[in-house]
Amino acid sequence: MKVLILGGCGTLGSAIVQQLKTKNSSYQIITAGRTSGDVHVDMTSKESIEAMFEKIGNEIIL
């Protein structure tokens, strides 16, 4: 199962990522942020969000 964590490299997001990795190793964790993470996304831009989902797919848990 894919799990998208927006802000996954920040203080709170990285703690969430660590908890998910500890609880269930079957998750495919994808981190997203403006300047860091597995994918870059500007959450104020519809085009950027669409490009992110084209790259990672849309079958994920938000």
Protein backbone atom coordinates (compact mmCIF):
# COMPACT_ATOMS: atom_id res chain seq x y z
CA MET A 1 0.00 0.00 0.00
CA LYS A 2 1.30 3.47 -0.89
CA VAL A 3 1.11 6.20 1.74
CA LEU A 4 1.76 9.83 0.82
CA ILE A 5 3.10 12.03 3.60
CA LEU A 6 3.04 15.73 2.74
CA GLY A 7 5.83 17.42 4.65
CA GLY A 8 7.36 14.02 5.33
CA CYS A 9 10.86 15.44 5.79
CA GLY A 10 9.84 18.04 8.38
CA THR A 11 9.83 17.59 12.14
CA LEU A 12 6.31 16.21 12.47
CA GLY A 13 6.29 14.45 9.12
CA SER A 14 9.52 12.55 9.77
CA ALA A 15 8.11 11.33 13.10
CA ILE A 16 5.02 10.06 11.30
CA VAL A 17 7.17 8.31 8.70
CA GLN A 18 9.18 6.59 11.46
CA GLN A 19 6.00 5.42 13.20
CA LEU A 20 4.57 4.03 9.97
CA LYS A 21 7.81 2.17 9.25
CA THR A 22 7.77 0.74 12.78
CA LYS A 23 4.10 -0.29 12.73
CA ASN A 24 3.84 -1.80 9.26
CA SER A 25 6.73 -2.54 6.94
CA SER A 26 4.39 -3.31 4.03
CA TYR A 27 3.71 0.40 3.46
CA GLN A 28 5.42 2.10 0.53
CA ILE A 29 5.96 5.53 2.06
CA ILE A 30 6.28 8.50 -0.30
CA THR A 31 7.32 11.84 1.15
CA ALA A 32 6.42 15.09 -0.60
CA GLY A 33 7.49 18.64 0.05
CA ARG A 34 8.19 21.91 -1.67
CA THR A 35 11.98 21.43 -1.71
CA SER A 36 12.59 17.99 -0.19
CA GLY A 37 11.17 14.50 -0.21
CA ASP A 38 10.67 11.78 -2.78
CA VAL A 39 8.60 14.15 -4.91
CA HIS A 40 8.45 17.93 -4.94
CA VAL A 41 5.09 19.69 -4.93
CA ASP A 42 3.81 23.22 -4.49
CA MET A 43 0.49 22.75 -2.70
CA THR A 44 -0.68 26.17 -3.93
CA SER A 45 -0.39 25.10 -7.57
CA LYS A 46 -2.99 22.85 -9.19
CA GLU A 47 -0.53 22.02 -11.96
CA SER A 48 2.15 20.98 -9.46
CA ILE A 49 -0.29 18.73 -7.58
CA GLU A 50 -1.46 17.11 -10.82
CA ALA A 51 2.16 16.55 -11.90
CA MET A 52 2.93 14.91 -8.56
CA PHE A 53 0.03 12.46 -8.91
CA GLU A 54 1.02 11.70 -12.51
CA LYS A 55 4.48 10.80 -11.22
CA ILE A 56 3.46 8.68 -8.21
CA GLY A 57 0.06 7.40 -9.33
CA ASN A 58 -3.28 8.03 -7.68
CA GLU A 59 -3.84 4.76 -5.80
CA ILE A 60 -2.59 5.94 -2.42
CA ILE A 61 -3.80 6.57 1.09
CA LEU A 62 -3.80 10.28 1.95
